[in-house]
Amino acid sequence: MCHLWADTLEELYAMVDAIGVQRKWLQQPPKASWVHFDISLAKKALALEAGAVLTDKFGPMEHVARLTGNKKQLELVKYCRSLRE
């Protein structure tokens, strides 16, 4: 399993429609930290073919930080990634 998210709900729905994931599986607060879908590896392959961008384990944190304008969290992501180099 992996996560699929987008900058807007419209963009996210367009992708899940394209790869055959039902909209009812949307994960969102308060039950989830951010709006996303949990998708199988087979659906991940379809999403990548449809234009999704693969990211690392810090991607969700970076995504939420960008949406909320949290510069401190963006710096933390940058720092964490630098430790892996």
PDB file of N, CA and C in Angstrom:
ATOM      1  N   MET A   1       0.845  -1.191   0.000  1.00  0.00           N
ATOM      2  CA  MET A   1       0.000   0.000   0.000  1.00  0.00           C
ATOM      3  C   MET A   1       0.886   1.249   0.000  1.00  0.00           C
ATOM      4  N   CYS A   2       0.317   2.302  -0.550  1.00  0.00           N
ATOM      5  CA  CYS A   2       0.998   3.592  -0.521  1.00  0.00           C
ATOM      6  C   CYS A   2      -0.056   4.694  -0.519  1.00  0.00           C
ATOM      7  N   HIS A   3       0.400   5.935  -0.399  1.00  0.00           N
ATOM      8  CA  HIS A   3      -0.505   7.077  -0.329  1.00  0.00           C
ATOM      9  C   HIS A   3      -0.521   7.821  -1.656  1.00  0.00           C
ATOM     10  N   LEU A   4      -1.694   8.331  -1.993  1.00  0.00           N
ATOM     11  CA  LEU A   4      -1.859   9.175  -3.174  1.00  0.00           C
ATOM     12  C   LEU A   4      -2.529  10.452  -2.712  1.00  0.00           C
ATOM     13  N   TRP A   5      -1.921  11.593  -3.004  1.00  0.00           N
ATOM     14  CA  TRP A   5      -2.494  12.874  -2.635  1.00  0.00           C
ATOM     15  C   TRP A   5      -2.234  13.861  -3.765  1.00  0.00           C
ATOM     16  N   ALA A   6      -2.851  15.018  -3.702  1.00  0.00           N
ATOM     17  CA  ALA A   6      -2.695  16.057  -4.721  1.00  0.00           C
ATOM     18  C   ALA A   6      -2.863  17.429  -4.077  1.00  0.00           C
ATOM     19  N   ASP A   7      -2.550  18.442  -4.855  1.00  0.00           N
ATOM     20  CA  ASP A   7      -2.671  19.811  -4.350  1.00  0.00           C
ATOM     21  C   ASP A   7      -4.110  20.230  -4.126  1.00  0.00           C
ATOM     22  N   THR A   8      -5.024  19.656  -4.910  1.00  0.00           N
ATOM     23  CA  THR A   8      -6.437  19.989  -4.746  1.00  0.00           C
ATOM     24  C   THR A   8      -7.267  18.709  -4.746  1.00  0.00           C
ATOM     25  N   LEU A   9      -8.440  18.781  -4.154  1.00  0.00           N
ATOM     26  CA  LEU A   9      -9.335  17.631  -4.132  1.00  0.00           C
ATOM     27  C   LEU A   9      -9.784  17.286  -5.556  1.00  0.00           C
ATOM     28  N   GLU A  10      -9.993  18.305  -6.376  1.00  0.00           N
ATOM     29  CA  GLU A  10     -10.386  18.083  -7.774  1.00  0.00           C
ATOM     30  C   GLU A  10      -9.317  17.270  -8.515  1.00  0.00           C
ATOM     31  N   GLU A  11      -8.065  17.628  -8.329  1.00  0.00           N
ATOM     32  CA  GLU A  11      -6.956  16.910  -8.962  1.00  0.00           C
ATOM     33  C   GLU A  11      -6.860  15.474  -8.429  1.00  0.00           C
ATOM     34  N   LEU A  12      -7.061  15.313  -7.141  1.00  0.00           N
ATOM     35  CA  LEU A  12      -7.005  13.989  -6.526  1.00  0.00           C
ATOM     36  C   LEU A  12      -8.116  13.094  -7.063  1.00  0.00           C
ATOM     37  N   TYR A  13      -9.328  13.633  -7.126  1.00  0.00           N
ATOM     38  CA  TYR A  13     -10.448  12.864  -7.664  1.00  0.00           C
ATOM     39  C   TYR A  13     -10.227  12.511  -9.133  1.00  0.00           C
ATOM     40  N   ALA A  14      -9.653  13.416  -9.898  1.00  0.00           N
ATOM     41  CA  ALA A  14      -9.386  13.125 -11.311  1.00  0.00           C
ATOM     42  C   ALA A  14      -8.435  11.939 -11.441  1.00  0.00           C
ATOM     43  N   MET A  15      -7.434  11.880 -10.582  1.00  0.00           N
ATOM     44  CA  MET A  15      -6.482  10.779 -10.647  1.00  0.00           C
ATOM     45  C   MET A  15      -7.122   9.459 -10.223  1.00  0.00           C
ATOM     46  N   VAL A  16      -7.851   9.453  -9.120  1.00  0.00           N
ATOM     47  CA  VAL A  16      -8.448   8.186  -8.691  1.00  0.00           C
ATOM     48  C   VAL A  16      -9.500   7.704  -9.689  1.00  0.00           C
ATOM     49  N   ASP A  17     -10.207   8.636 -10.311  1.00  0.00           N
ATOM     50  CA  ASP A  17     -11.147   8.241 -11.363  1.00  0.00           C
ATOM     51  C   ASP A  17     -10.397   7.590 -12.521  1.00  0.00           C
ATOM     52  N   ALA A  18      -9.242   8.152 -12.868  1.00  0.00           N
ATOM     53  CA  ALA A  18      -8.454   7.644 -13.995  1.00  0.00           C
ATOM     54  C   ALA A  18      -7.873   6.257 -13.728  1.00  0.00           C
ATOM     55  N   ILE A  19      -7.556   5.965 -12.456  1.00  0.00           N
ATOM     56  CA  ILE A  19      -6.916   4.678 -12.153  1.00  0.00           C
ATOM     57  C   ILE A  19      -7.880   3.654 -11.555  1.00  0.00           C
ATOM     58  N   GLY A  20      -9.144   4.032 -11.424  1.00  0.00           N
ATOM     59  CA  GLY A  20     -10.150   3.073 -10.974  1.00  0.00           C
ATOM     60  C   GLY A  20     -10.259   2.848  -9.482  1.00  0.00           C
ATOM     61  N   VAL A  21      -9.977   3.882  -8.704  1.00  0.00           N
ATOM     62  CA  VAL A  21     -10.155   3.809  -7.247  1.00  0.00           C
ATOM     63  C   VAL A  21     -11.456   4.531  -6.912  1.00  0.00           C
ATOM     64  N   GLN A  22     -12.279   3.921  -6.092  1.00  0.00           N
ATOM     65  CA  GLN A  22     -13.560   4.529  -5.730  1.00  0.00           C
ATOM     66  C   GLN A  22     -13.354   5.723  -4.793  1.00  0.00           C
ATOM     67  N   ARG A  23     -14.086   6.780  -5.070  1.00  0.00           N
ATOM     68  CA  ARG A  23     -13.982   8.002  -4.269  1.00  0.00           C
ATOM     69  C   ARG A  23     -14.349   7.786  -2.803  1.00  0.00           C
ATOM     70  N   LYS A  24     -15.145   6.787  -2.525  1.00  0.00           N
ATOM     71  CA  LYS A  24     -15.570   6.544  -1.137  1.00  0.00           C
ATOM     72  C   LYS A  24     -14.389   6.175  -0.228  1.00  0.00           C
ATOM     73  N   TRP A  25     -13.237   5.831  -0.794  1.00  0.00           N
ATOM     74  CA  TRP A  25     -12.075   5.448   0.007  1.00  0.00           C
ATOM     75  C   TRP A  25     -11.211   6.639   0.400  1.00  0.00           C
ATOM     76  N   LEU A  26     -11.701   7.845   0.181  1.00  0.00           N
ATOM     77  CA  LEU A  26     -10.974   9.057   0.564  1.00  0.00           C
ATOM     78  C   LEU A  26     -10.682   9.039   2.063  1.00  0.00           C
ATOM     79  N   GLN A  27      -9.453   9.316   2.424  1.00  0.00           N
ATOM     80  CA  GLN A  27      -9.029   9.441   3.822  1.00  0.00           C
ATOM     81  C   GLN A  27      -8.879  10.935   4.109  1.00  0.00           C
ATOM     82  N   GLN A  28      -9.441  11.401   5.232  1.00  0.00           N
ATOM     83  CA  GLN A  28      -9.346  12.819   5.553  1.00  0.00           C
ATOM     84  C   GLN A  28      -9.452  13.041   7.052  1.00  0.00           C
ATOM     85  N   PRO A  29      -8.992  14.221   7.513  1.00  0.00           N
ATOM     86  CA  PRO A  29      -9.134  14.519   8.935  1.00  0.00           C
ATOM     87  C   PRO A  29     -10.606  14.475   9.347  1.00  0.00           C
ATOM     88  N   PRO A  30     -10.915  14.087  10.559  1.00  0.00           N
ATOM     89  CA  PRO A  30     -10.005  13.854  11.680  1.00  0.00           C
ATOM     90  C   PRO A  30      -9.418  12.443  11.740  1.00  0.00           C
ATOM     91  N   LYS A  31      -9.838  11.552  10.869  1.00  0.00           N
ATOM     92  CA  LYS A  31      -9.328  10.183  10.937  1.00  0.00           C
ATOM     93  C   LYS A  31      -7.956  10.028  10.292  1.00  0.00           C
ATOM     94  N   ALA A  32      -7.546  10.971   9.480  1.00  0.00           N
ATOM     95  CA  ALA A  32      -6.239  10.947   8.822  1.00  0.00           C
ATOM     96  C   ALA A  32      -5.577  12.303   9.015  1.00  0.00           C
ATOM     97  N   SER A  33      -4.268  12.346   8.868  1.00  0.00           N
ATOM     98  CA  SER A  33      -3.535  13.600   9.052  1.00  0.00           C
ATOM     99  C   SER A  33      -3.724  14.571   7.898  1.00  0.00           C
ATOM    100  N   TRP A  34      -3.995  14.042   6.713  1.00  0.00           N
ATOM    101  CA  TRP A  34      -4.197  14.882   5.545  1.00  0.00           C
ATOM    102  C   TRP A  34      -5.091  14.138   4.558  1.00  0.00           C
ATOM    103  N   VAL A  35      -5.590  14.841   3.558  1.00  0.00           N
ATOM    104  CA  VAL A  35      -6.495  14.253   2.575  1.00  0.00           C
ATOM    105  C   VAL A  35      -5.677  13.412   1.592  1.00  0.00           C
ATOM    106  N   HIS A  36      -6.032  12.123   1.488  1.00  0.00           N
ATOM    107  CA  HIS A  36      -5.307  11.218   0.594  1.00  0.00           C
ATOM    108  C   HIS A  36      -6.109   9.937   0.378  1.00  0.00           C
ATOM    109  N   PHE A  37      -5.603   9.102  -0.496  1.00  0.00           N
ATOM    110  CA  PHE A  37      -6.122   7.752  -0.686  1.00  0.00           C
ATOM    111  C   PHE A  37      -5.008   6.772  -0.367  1.00  0.00           C
ATOM    112  N   ASP A  38      -5.360   5.657   0.244  1.00  0.00           N
ATOM    113  CA  ASP A  38      -4.445   4.531   0.375  1.00  0.00           C
ATOM    114  C   ASP A  38      -4.688   3.662  -0.858  1.00  0.00           C
ATOM    115  N   ILE A  39      -3.638   3.429  -1.634  1.00  0.00           N
ATOM    116  CA  ILE A  39      -3.811   2.653  -2.860  1.00  0.00           C
ATOM    117  C   ILE A  39      -2.842   1.473  -2.887  1.00  0.00           C
ATOM    118  N   SER A  40      -3.218   0.444  -3.632  1.00  0.00           N
ATOM    119  CA  SER A  40      -2.376  -0.746  -3.783  1.00  0.00           C
ATOM    120  C   SER A  40      -1.185  -0.440  -4.689  1.00  0.00           C
ATOM    121  N   LEU A  41      -0.207  -1.329  -4.679  1.00  0.00           N
ATOM    122  CA  LEU A  41       0.952  -1.146  -5.548  1.00  0.00           C
ATOM    123  C   LEU A  41       0.558  -1.224  -7.023  1.00  0.00           C
ATOM    124  N   ALA A  42      -0.457  -2.026  -7.341  1.00  0.00           N
ATOM    125  CA  ALA A  42      -0.931  -2.093  -8.729  1.00  0.00           C
ATOM    126  C   ALA A  42      -1.531  -0.749  -9.149  1.00  0.00           C
ATOM    127  N   LYS A  43      -2.290  -0.115  -8.252  1.00  0.00           N
ATOM    128  CA  LYS A  43      -2.869   1.199  -8.557  1.00  0.00           C
ATOM    129  C   LYS A  43      -1.774   2.270  -8.596  1.00  0.00           C
ATOM    130  N   LYS A  44      -0.738   2.098  -7.778  1.00  0.00           N
ATOM    131  CA  LYS A  44       0.398   3.018  -7.805  1.00  0.00           C
ATOM    132  C   LYS A  44       1.036   3.010  -9.192  1.00  0.00           C
ATOM    133  N   ALA A  45       1.213   1.831  -9.752  1.00  0.00           N
ATOM    134  CA  ALA A  45       1.797   1.723 -11.097  1.00  0.00           C
ATOM    135  C   ALA A  45       0.922   2.458 -12.115  1.00  0.00           C
ATOM    136  N   LEU A  46      -0.391   2.300 -12.005  1.00  0.00           N
ATOM    137  CA  LEU A  46      -1.303   3.002 -12.913  1.00  0.00           C
ATOM    138  C   LEU A  46      -1.217   4.518 -12.709  1.00  0.00           C
ATOM    139  N   ALA A  47      -1.114   4.944 -11.464  1.00  0.00           N
ATOM    140  CA  ALA A  47      -1.016   6.376 -11.165  1.00  0.00           C
ATOM    141  C   ALA A  47       0.260   6.967 -11.762  1.00  0.00           C
ATOM    142  N   LEU A  48       1.358   6.239 -11.642  1.00  0.00           N
ATOM    143  CA  LEU A  48       2.612   6.719 -12.218  1.00  0.00           C
ATOM    144  C   LEU A  48       2.505   6.823 -13.735  1.00  0.00           C
ATOM    145  N   GLU A  49       1.857   5.849 -14.358  1.00  0.00           N
ATOM    146  CA  GLU A  49       1.637   5.900 -15.808  1.00  0.00           C
ATOM    147  C   GLU A  49       0.753   7.087 -16.188  1.00  0.00           C
ATOM    148  N   ALA A  50      -0.147   7.469 -15.285  1.00  0.00           N
ATOM    149  CA  ALA A  50      -1.074   8.578 -15.539  1.00  0.00           C
ATOM    150  C   ALA A  50      -0.488   9.942 -15.174  1.00  0.00           C
ATOM    151  N   GLY A  51       0.765   9.962 -14.699  1.00  0.00           N
ATOM    152  CA  GLY A  51       1.426  11.233 -14.424  1.00  0.00           C
ATOM    153  C   GLY A  51       1.697  11.567 -12.974  1.00  0.00           C
ATOM    154  N   ALA A  52       1.390  10.658 -12.057  1.00  0.00           N
ATOM    155  CA  ALA A  52       1.707  10.907 -10.648  1.00  0.00           C
ATOM    156  C   ALA A  52       3.226  10.996 -10.474  1.00  0.00           C
ATOM    157  N   VAL A  53       3.641  11.705  -9.462  1.00  0.00           N
ATOM    158  CA  VAL A  53       5.065  11.892  -9.189  1.00  0.00           C
ATOM    159  C   VAL A  53       5.430  11.108  -7.939  1.00  0.00           C
ATOM    160  N   LEU A  54       6.439  10.264  -8.041  1.00  0.00           N
ATOM    161  CA  LEU A  54       6.902   9.460  -6.917  1.00  0.00           C
ATOM    162  C   LEU A  54       7.704  10.342  -5.970  1.00  0.00           C
ATOM    163  N   THR A  55       7.492  10.160  -4.683  1.00  0.00           N
ATOM    164  CA  THR A  55       8.239  10.931  -3.690  1.00  0.00           C
ATOM    165  C   THR A  55       8.790   9.989  -2.628  1.00  0.00           C
ATOM    166  N   ASP A  56       9.489  10.533  -1.665  1.00  0.00           N
ATOM    167  CA  ASP A  56      10.072   9.722  -0.602  1.00  0.00           C
ATOM    168  C   ASP A  56       9.178   9.743   0.645  1.00  0.00           C
ATOM    169  N   LYS A  57       9.686   9.186   1.729  1.00  0.00           N
ATOM    170  CA  LYS A  57       8.876   9.089   2.944  1.00  0.00           C
ATOM    171  C   LYS A  57       8.575  10.444   3.578  1.00  0.00           C
ATOM    172  N   PHE A  58       9.280  11.492   3.153  1.00  0.00           N
ATOM    173  CA  PHE A  58       9.018  12.826   3.686  1.00  0.00           C
ATOM    174  C   PHE A  58       8.001  13.595   2.847  1.00  0.00           C
ATOM    175  N   GLY A  59       7.553  13.003   1.753  1.00  0.00           N
ATOM    176  CA  GLY A  59       6.605  13.656   0.854  1.00  0.00           C
ATOM    177  C   GLY A  59       5.323  14.119   1.526  1.00  0.00           C
ATOM    178  N   PRO A  60       4.664  13.261   2.314  1.00  0.00           N
ATOM    179  CA  PRO A  60       3.432  13.711   2.967  1.00  0.00           C
ATOM    180  C   PRO A  60       3.651  14.907   3.903  1.00  0.00           C
ATOM    181  N   MET A  61       4.738  14.875   4.644  1.00  0.00           N
ATOM    182  CA  MET A  61       5.052  15.973   5.561  1.00  0.00           C
ATOM    183  C   MET A  61       5.306  17.267   4.777  1.00  0.00           C
ATOM    184  N   GLU A  62       6.033  17.143   3.680  1.00  0.00           N
ATOM    185  CA  GLU A  62       6.301  18.300   2.831  1.00  0.00           C
ATOM    186  C   GLU A  62       5.008  18.832   2.214  1.00  0.00           C
ATOM    187  N   HIS A  63       4.153  17.939   1.772  1.00  0.00           N
ATOM    188  CA  HIS A  63       2.880  18.324   1.153  1.00  0.00           C
ATOM    189  C   HIS A  63       2.017  19.136   2.124  1.00  0.00           C
ATOM    190  N   VAL A  64       1.855  18.628   3.325  1.00  0.00           N
ATOM    191  CA  VAL A  64       1.043  19.333   4.335  1.00  0.00           C
ATOM    192  C   VAL A  64       1.683  20.678   4.677  1.00  0.00           C
ATOM    193  N   ALA A  65       2.996  20.707   4.791  1.00  0.00           N
ATOM    194  CA  ALA A  65       3.690  21.963   5.111  1.00  0.00           C
ATOM    195  C   ALA A  65       3.482  23.002   4.015  1.00  0.00           C
ATOM    196  N   ARG A  66       3.517  22.577   2.763  1.00  0.00           N
ATOM    197  CA  ARG A  66       3.286  23.520   1.657  1.00  0.00           C
ATOM    198  C   ARG A  66       1.845  24.029   1.659  1.00  0.00           C
ATOM    199  N   LEU A  67       0.896  23.142   1.908  1.00  0.00           N
ATOM    200  CA  LEU A  67      -0.511  23.560   1.920  1.00  0.00           C
ATOM    201  C   LEU A  67      -0.809  24.538   3.049  1.00  0.00           C
ATOM    202  N   THR A  68      -0.136  24.354   4.175  1.00  0.00           N
ATOM    203  CA  THR A  68      -0.406  25.201   5.336  1.00  0.00           C
ATOM    204  C   THR A  68       0.566  26.379   5.449  1.00  0.00           C
ATOM    205  N   GLY A  69       1.571  26.418   4.582  1.00  0.00           N
ATOM    206  CA  GLY A  69       2.555  27.500   4.639  1.00  0.00           C
ATOM    207  C   GLY A  69       3.503  27.392   5.815  1.00  0.00           C
ATOM    208  N   ASN A  70       3.717  26.182   6.303  1.00  0.00           N
ATOM    209  CA  ASN A  70       4.569  25.956   7.465  1.00  0.00           C
ATOM    210  C   ASN A  70       6.039  25.887   7.043  1.00  0.00           C
ATOM    211  N   LYS A  71       6.714  27.021   7.052  1.00  0.00           N
ATOM    212  CA  LYS A  71       8.115  27.100   6.605  1.00  0.00           C
ATOM    213  C   LYS A  71       9.051  26.316   7.515  1.00  0.00           C
ATOM    214  N   LYS A  72       8.744  26.291   8.796  1.00  0.00           N
ATOM    215  CA  LYS A  72       9.578  25.560   9.745  1.00  0.00           C
ATOM    216  C   LYS A  72       9.573  24.055   9.412  1.00  0.00           C
ATOM    217  N   GLN A  73       8.409  23.535   9.091  1.00  0.00           N
ATOM    218  CA  GLN A  73       8.293  22.123   8.742  1.00  0.00           C
ATOM    219  C   GLN A  73       8.986  21.837   7.405  1.00  0.00           C
ATOM    220  N   LEU A  74       8.913  22.767   6.462  1.00  0.00           N
ATOM    221  CA  LEU A  74       9.620  22.589   5.195  1.00  0.00           C
ATOM    222  C   LEU A  74      11.124  22.528   5.407  1.00  0.00           C
ATOM    223  N   GLU A  75      11.624  23.344   6.301  1.00  0.00           N
ATOM    224  CA  GLU A  75      13.061  23.307   6.621  1.00  0.00           C
ATOM    225  C   GLU A  75      13.436  21.976   7.273  1.00  0.00           C
ATOM    226  N   LEU A  76      12.548  21.451   8.111  1.00  0.00           N
ATOM    227  CA  LEU A  76      12.798  20.166   8.742  1.00  0.00           C
ATOM    228  C   LEU A  76      12.876  19.056   7.697  1.00  0.00           C
ATOM    229  N   VAL A  77      11.991  19.091   6.732  1.00  0.00           N
ATOM    230  CA  VAL A  77      12.019  18.100   5.642  1.00  0.00           C
ATOM    231  C   VAL A  77      13.341  18.209   4.893  1.00  0.00           C
ATOM    232  N   LYS A  78      13.736  19.413   4.573  1.00  0.00           N
ATOM    233  CA  LYS A  78      15.003  19.636   3.856  1.00  0.00           C
ATOM    234  C   LYS A  78      16.178  19.076   4.673  1.00  0.00           C
ATOM    235  N   TYR A  79      16.177  19.345   5.960  1.00  0.00           N
ATOM    236  CA  TYR A  79      17.239  18.847   6.836  1.00  0.00           C
ATOM    237  C   TYR A  79      17.258  17.314   6.880  1.00  0.00           C
ATOM    238  N   CYS A  80      16.101  16.712   7.063  1.00  0.00           N
ATOM    239  CA  CYS A  80      16.014  15.251   7.120  1.00  0.00           C
ATOM    240  C   CYS A  80      16.511  14.611   5.824  1.00  0.00           C
ATOM    241  N   ARG A  81      16.141  15.190   4.713  1.00  0.00           N
ATOM    242  CA  ARG A  81      16.606  14.664   3.424  1.00  0.00           C
ATOM    243  C   ARG A  81      18.119  14.801   3.285  1.00  0.00           C
ATOM    244  N   SER A  82      18.677  15.873   3.818  1.00  0.00           N
ATOM    245  CA  SER A  82      20.127  16.075   3.712  1.00  0.00           C
ATOM    246  C   SER A  82      20.890  15.018   4.512  1.00  0.00           C
ATOM    247  N   LEU A  83      20.281  14.491   5.549  1.00  0.00           N
ATOM    248  CA  LEU A  83      20.942  13.463   6.357  1.00  0.00           C
ATOM    249  C   LEU A  83      21.079  12.155   5.596  1.00  0.00           C
ATOM    250  N   ARG A  84      20.221  11.949   4.617  1.00  0.00           N
ATOM    251  CA  ARG A  84      20.241  10.703   3.845  1.00  0.00           C
ATOM    252  C   ARG A  84      21.242  10.735   2.704  1.00  0.00           C
ATOM    253  N   GLU A  85      21.789  11.901   2.403  1.00  0.00           N
ATOM    254  CA  GLU A  85      22.727  12.027   1.270  1.00  0.00           C
ATOM    255  C   GLU A  85      24.108  11.575   1.645  1.00  0.00           C
TER     256      GLU A  85
END
